[in-house]
Amino acid sequence: EKQVFHREVEQLLAMHLPPRGHAVVWRQLALALVCSEIWLGTWSPSAVLAAQGLPADVCLELLALPTELLVSERALPLSDVTLWQIAINSLLNKCTPVFTHLLDVWSSKDASCAEKALQLLATWLR
């Protein structure tokens, strides 16, 4: 049941990606996807980093959401210490590929993406 939900949200997100989709819609779908992964302690950057043709804005959003949601009641009940620790461990174990990707983007020639990547890296390091 959880896998079906995850797959269906991923499919919806893929259907609403730029340039066809509207930012409001794909951002809400990204939020739903990342929230569910954090809740289950299964968040991983692998799919995001391996996705071919994923627009840079969407990729950065999917990498930014976990750190933003970790301390937000929108994703986790912050009073549930066990759940929070599972989510933190899930993110800590995935730092290396995220940092590598963000540093690669930062060294690219696209100044706008490089700036966003550095801001996101700072968010991860907070």
C-alpha atoms as a PDB file:
ATOM      1  CA  GLU A   1       0.000   0.000   0.000  1.00  0.00           C
ATOM      2  CA  LYS A   2       2.819   2.419   0.875  1.00  0.00           C
ATOM      3  CA  GLN A   3       4.716   1.496  -2.268  1.00  0.00           C
ATOM      4  CA  VAL A   4       1.608   2.038  -4.405  1.00  0.00           C
ATOM      5  CA  PHE A   5       1.123   5.521  -2.917  1.00  0.00           C
ATOM      6  CA  HIS A   6       4.774   6.365  -3.479  1.00  0.00           C
ATOM      7  CA  ARG A   7       4.738   5.150  -7.080  1.00  0.00           C
ATOM      8  CA  GLU A   8       1.510   7.016  -7.875  1.00  0.00           C
ATOM      9  CA  VAL A   9       2.795  10.291  -6.425  1.00  0.00           C
ATOM     10  CA  GLU A  10       6.032   9.875  -8.412  1.00  0.00           C
ATOM     11  CA  GLN A  11       3.990   9.317 -11.582  1.00  0.00           C
ATOM     12  CA  LEU A  12       1.856  12.392 -10.901  1.00  0.00           C
ATOM     13  CA  LEU A  13       4.970  14.450 -10.272  1.00  0.00           C
ATOM     14  CA  ALA A  14       6.494  13.258 -13.558  1.00  0.00           C
ATOM     15  CA  MET A  15       3.318  14.288 -15.410  1.00  0.00           C
ATOM     16  CA  HIS A  16       3.432  17.806 -13.943  1.00  0.00           C
ATOM     17  CA  LEU A  17       7.115  18.648 -14.373  1.00  0.00           C
ATOM     18  CA  PRO A  18       8.160  21.802 -16.210  1.00  0.00           C
ATOM     19  CA  PRO A  19       7.707  22.950 -18.893  1.00  0.00           C
ATOM     20  CA  ARG A  20       4.241  21.317 -19.130  1.00  0.00           C
ATOM     21  CA  GLY A  21       3.339  21.541 -15.478  1.00  0.00           C
ATOM     22  CA  HIS A  22       2.782  24.453 -13.160  1.00  0.00           C
ATOM     23  CA  ALA A  23       5.218  25.103 -10.326  1.00  0.00           C
ATOM     24  CA  VAL A  24       2.436  25.180  -7.731  1.00  0.00           C
ATOM     25  CA  VAL A  25       1.340  21.660  -8.666  1.00  0.00           C
ATOM     26  CA  TRP A  26       4.740  19.981  -8.923  1.00  0.00           C
ATOM     27  CA  ARG A  27       5.893  21.622  -5.683  1.00  0.00           C
ATOM     28  CA  GLN A  28       2.873  20.230  -3.813  1.00  0.00           C
ATOM     29  CA  LEU A  29       3.477  16.777  -5.286  1.00  0.00           C
ATOM     30  CA  ALA A  30       7.167  16.984  -4.342  1.00  0.00           C
ATOM     31  CA  LEU A  31       6.127  17.956  -0.823  1.00  0.00           C
ATOM     32  CA  ALA A  32       3.767  14.969  -0.555  1.00  0.00           C
ATOM     33  CA  LEU A  33       6.432  12.604  -1.860  1.00  0.00           C
ATOM     34  CA  VAL A  34       9.215  13.809   0.433  1.00  0.00           C
ATOM     35  CA  CYS A  35       6.920  14.002   3.490  1.00  0.00           C
ATOM     36  CA  SER A  36       5.895  10.389   3.034  1.00  0.00           C
ATOM     37  CA  GLU A  37       9.505   9.284   2.623  1.00  0.00           C
ATOM     38  CA  ILE A  38      10.619  11.176   5.727  1.00  0.00           C
ATOM     39  CA  TRP A  39       7.693   9.782   7.721  1.00  0.00           C
ATOM     40  CA  LEU A  40       8.663   6.243   6.721  1.00  0.00           C
ATOM     41  CA  GLY A  41      12.396   6.868   7.178  1.00  0.00           C
ATOM     42  CA  THR A  42      13.032   5.889   3.556  1.00  0.00           C
ATOM     43  CA  TRP A  43      14.128   9.188   2.041  1.00  0.00           C
ATOM     44  CA  SER A  44      17.048   8.786  -0.320  1.00  0.00           C
ATOM     45  CA  PRO A  45      18.527  11.139  -2.904  1.00  0.00           C
ATOM     46  CA  SER A  46      19.310   8.224  -5.255  1.00  0.00           C
ATOM     47  CA  ALA A  47      16.222   8.506  -7.453  1.00  0.00           C
ATOM     48  CA  VAL A  48      16.525  12.289  -7.674  1.00  0.00           C
ATOM     49  CA  LEU A  49      20.223  12.217  -8.520  1.00  0.00           C
ATOM     50  CA  ALA A  50      19.821   9.416 -11.070  1.00  0.00           C
ATOM     51  CA  ALA A  51      16.782  10.900 -12.828  1.00  0.00           C
ATOM     52  CA  GLN A  52      17.486  11.717 -16.447  1.00  0.00           C
ATOM     53  CA  GLY A  53      16.078  15.004 -17.684  1.00  0.00           C
ATOM     54  CA  LEU A  54      14.847  16.194 -14.288  1.00  0.00           C
ATOM     55  CA  PRO A  55      14.758  20.012 -14.400  1.00  0.00           C
ATOM     56  CA  ALA A  56      17.350  21.619 -12.116  1.00  0.00           C
ATOM     57  CA  ASP A  57      14.700  23.507 -10.105  1.00  0.00           C
ATOM     58  CA  VAL A  58      12.801  20.302  -9.377  1.00  0.00           C
ATOM     59  CA  CYS A  59      15.982  18.452  -8.442  1.00  0.00           C
ATOM     60  CA  LEU A  60      17.035  21.192  -6.037  1.00  0.00           C
ATOM     61  CA  GLU A  61      13.532  21.345  -4.539  1.00  0.00           C
ATOM     62  CA  LEU A  62      13.504  17.588  -3.932  1.00  0.00           C
ATOM     63  CA  LEU A  63      16.898  17.857  -2.247  1.00  0.00           C
ATOM     64  CA  ALA A  64      15.911  20.913  -0.180  1.00  0.00           C
ATOM     65  CA  LEU A  65      12.651  19.604   1.223  1.00  0.00           C
ATOM     66  CA  PRO A  66      14.073  16.937   3.570  1.00  0.00           C
ATOM     67  CA  THR A  67      16.111  19.413   5.595  1.00  0.00           C
ATOM     68  CA  GLU A  68      13.266  21.947   5.669  1.00  0.00           C
ATOM     69  CA  LEU A  69      10.688  19.379   6.722  1.00  0.00           C
ATOM     70  CA  LEU A  70      12.832  17.732   9.372  1.00  0.00           C
ATOM     71  CA  VAL A  71      11.984  20.510  11.810  1.00  0.00           C
ATOM     72  CA  SER A  72       8.457  21.150  10.622  1.00  0.00           C
ATOM     73  CA  GLU A  73       5.168  19.840  11.937  1.00  0.00           C
ATOM     74  CA  ARG A  74       4.085  19.646   8.263  1.00  0.00           C
ATOM     75  CA  ALA A  75       6.087  16.431   7.886  1.00  0.00           C
ATOM     76  CA  LEU A  76       6.607  14.926  11.326  1.00  0.00           C
ATOM     77  CA  PRO A  77       4.993  15.186  14.717  1.00  0.00           C
ATOM     78  CA  LEU A  78       7.963  16.752  16.470  1.00  0.00           C
ATOM     79  CA  SER A  79       6.843  15.337  19.813  1.00  0.00           C
ATOM     80  CA  ASP A  80       7.477  11.780  18.531  1.00  0.00           C
ATOM     81  CA  VAL A  81      11.181  11.465  19.338  1.00  0.00           C
ATOM     82  CA  THR A  82      11.545   7.982  17.835  1.00  0.00           C
ATOM     83  CA  LEU A  83      10.079   9.052  14.509  1.00  0.00           C
ATOM     84  CA  TRP A  84      12.231  12.159  14.475  1.00  0.00           C
ATOM     85  CA  GLN A  85      15.394  10.117  15.155  1.00  0.00           C
ATOM     86  CA  ILE A  86      14.540   7.723  12.307  1.00  0.00           C
ATOM     87  CA  ALA A  87      14.141  10.684   9.954  1.00  0.00           C
ATOM     88  CA  ILE A  88      17.399  12.287  11.110  1.00  0.00           C
ATOM     89  CA  ASN A  89      19.312   9.037  10.622  1.00  0.00           C
ATOM     90  CA  SER A  90      17.794   8.648   7.171  1.00  0.00           C
ATOM     91  CA  LEU A  91      19.122  12.069   6.186  1.00  0.00           C
ATOM     92  CA  LEU A  92      22.504  11.736   7.874  1.00  0.00           C
ATOM     93  CA  ASN A  93      23.212   8.507   6.058  1.00  0.00           C
ATOM     94  CA  LYS A  94      22.552  10.203   2.707  1.00  0.00           C
ATOM     95  CA  CYS A  95      24.667  13.364   3.066  1.00  0.00           C
ATOM     96  CA  THR A  96      27.622  12.311   0.918  1.00  0.00           C
ATOM     97  CA  PRO A  97      25.776  11.897  -2.409  1.00  0.00           C
ATOM     98  CA  VAL A  98      23.827  15.109  -1.822  1.00  0.00           C
ATOM     99  CA  PHE A  99      26.967  17.107  -1.007  1.00  0.00           C
ATOM    100  CA  THR A 100      28.782  15.664  -4.027  1.00  0.00           C
ATOM    101  CA  HIS A 101      25.908  16.602  -6.327  1.00  0.00           C
ATOM    102  CA  LEU A 102      25.578  20.117  -4.915  1.00  0.00           C
ATOM    103  CA  LEU A 103      29.313  20.760  -5.257  1.00  0.00           C
ATOM    104  CA  ASP A 104      29.172  19.511  -8.862  1.00  0.00           C
ATOM    105  CA  VAL A 105      26.297  21.907  -9.589  1.00  0.00           C
ATOM    106  CA  TRP A 106      28.171  24.706  -7.846  1.00  0.00           C
ATOM    107  CA  SER A 107      31.160  24.182 -10.143  1.00  0.00           C
ATOM    108  CA  SER A 108      28.950  24.318 -13.249  1.00  0.00           C
ATOM    109  CA  LYS A 109      28.809  27.346 -15.521  1.00  0.00           C
ATOM    110  CA  ASP A 110      25.156  28.125 -14.754  1.00  0.00           C
ATOM    111  CA  ALA A 111      25.441  30.906 -12.167  1.00  0.00           C
ATOM    112  CA  SER A 112      21.784  30.706 -11.116  1.00  0.00           C
ATOM    113  CA  CYS A 113      21.956  26.964 -10.396  1.00  0.00           C
ATOM    114  CA  ALA A 114      25.333  27.360  -8.699  1.00  0.00           C
ATOM    115  CA  GLU A 115      23.930  29.974  -6.327  1.00  0.00           C
ATOM    116  CA  LYS A 116      20.918  27.789  -5.476  1.00  0.00           C
ATOM    117  CA  ALA A 117      23.199  24.789  -4.932  1.00  0.00           C
ATOM    118  CA  LEU A 118      25.367  26.739  -2.461  1.00  0.00           C
ATOM    119  CA  GLN A 119      22.286  27.942  -0.589  1.00  0.00           C
ATOM    120  CA  LEU A 120      21.002  24.393  -0.417  1.00  0.00           C
ATOM    121  CA  LEU A 121      24.371  23.112   0.777  1.00  0.00           C
ATOM    122  CA  ALA A 122      24.277  25.707   3.571  1.00  0.00           C
ATOM    123  CA  THR A 123      20.795  24.477   4.518  1.00  0.00           C
ATOM    124  CA  TRP A 124      22.043  20.889   4.729  1.00  0.00           C
ATOM    125  CA  LEU A 125      24.967  21.956   6.910  1.00  0.00           C
ATOM    126  CA  ARG A 126      22.772  23.855   9.393  1.00  0.00           C
END
